[in-house]
């Protein structure tokens, strides 16, 4: 599970986005998004899919199943 948290943080930081900007894109509270990045809170499948879509990566990449970022 640690892979998810590292990867969503790294993808966000690569775009120089703040946690607030990501939270706004997901229509959630910044604290909620922050808890996803730190692993305090689990993400719903819907949020995981939305994060993958926002960053243009596959859910498998976020989950650590593959190192290929490209969605299928």
Protein backbone atom coordinates (compact mmCIF):
# COMPACT_ATOMS: atom_id res chain seq x y z
CA UNK A 1 0.00 0.00 0.00
CA UNK A 2 2.92 2.37 0.57
CA UNK A 3 3.47 2.49 -3.19
CA UNK A 4 0.15 4.32 -3.70
CA UNK A 5 0.97 7.07 -1.25
CA UNK A 6 4.45 7.68 -2.64
CA UNK A 7 3.27 7.65 -6.22
CA UNK A 8 0.34 10.03 -5.79
CA UNK A 9 2.56 12.46 -3.89
CA UNK A 10 5.33 12.24 -6.50
CA UNK A 11 2.91 12.71 -9.40
CA UNK A 12 1.42 15.77 -7.71
CA UNK A 13 4.82 17.25 -6.91
CA UNK A 14 6.06 16.61 -10.47
CA UNK A 15 3.31 18.98 -11.64
CA UNK A 16 4.10 21.50 -8.89
CA UNK A 17 0.55 21.20 -7.59
CA UNK A 18 -0.39 21.75 -3.98
CA UNK A 19 -2.50 19.34 -2.00
CA UNK A 20 -5.26 21.94 -2.16
CA UNK A 21 -5.14 21.98 -5.97
CA UNK A 22 -5.44 18.19 -6.08
CA UNK A 23 -8.26 18.23 -3.55
CA UNK A 24 -10.09 20.81 -5.69
CA UNK A 25 -9.74 18.60 -8.77
CA UNK A 26 -11.20 15.69 -6.79
CA UNK A 27 -13.94 17.82 -5.18
CA UNK A 28 -12.80 16.83 -1.69
CA UNK A 29 -11.39 18.55 1.37
CA UNK A 30 -7.61 19.17 1.49
CA UNK A 31 -7.36 17.29 4.78
CA UNK A 32 -8.96 14.26 3.19
CA UNK A 33 -6.53 14.36 0.29
CA UNK A 34 -3.60 14.82 2.67
CA UNK A 35 -4.69 11.74 4.59
CA UNK A 36 -4.59 9.76 1.32
CA UNK A 37 -1.00 10.86 0.65
CA UNK A 38 0.13 9.94 4.15
CA UNK A 39 -1.72 6.63 4.21
CA UNK A 40 -3.87 7.57 7.19
CA UNK A 41 -7.01 7.04 5.15
CA UNK A 42 -7.82 4.53 2.41
CA UNK A 43 -9.07 5.71 -0.96
CA UNK A 44 -12.27 4.52 -2.53
CA UNK A 45 -11.91 2.90 -5.95
CA UNK A 46 -13.63 5.95 -7.46
CA UNK A 47 -11.03 8.33 -6.02
CA UNK A 48 -8.18 6.07 -7.13
CA UNK A 49 -9.57 5.99 -10.67
CA UNK A 50 -10.03 9.78 -10.70
CA UNK A 51 -6.44 10.36 -9.52
CA UNK A 52 -5.18 8.04 -12.27
CA UNK A 53 -7.24 9.94 -14.86
CA UNK A 54 -6.01 13.34 -13.63
CA UNK A 55 -2.38 12.26 -13.93
CA UNK A 56 -2.82 10.20 -17.10
CA UNK A 57 -1.55 6.99 -15.52
CA UNK A 58 -3.04 3.58 -14.94
CA UNK A 59 -4.53 2.47 -11.64
CA UNK A 60 -2.10 -0.46 -11.82
CA UNK A 61 0.75 2.05 -11.76
CA UNK A 62 -0.65 3.73 -8.65
CA UNK A 63 -1.11 0.35 -6.98
CA UNK A 64 2.45 -0.70 -7.79
CA UNK A 65 1.38 -3.59 -10.02
CA UNK A 66 3.45 -2.12 -12.87
CA UNK A 67 6.05 0.56 -13.34
CA UNK A 68 4.53 1.60 -16.68
CA UNK A 69 2.69 4.87 -16.22
CA UNK A 70 0.72 4.73 -19.46
CA UNK A 71 -2.93 3.78 -19.10
CA UNK A 72 -4.10 0.84 -21.17
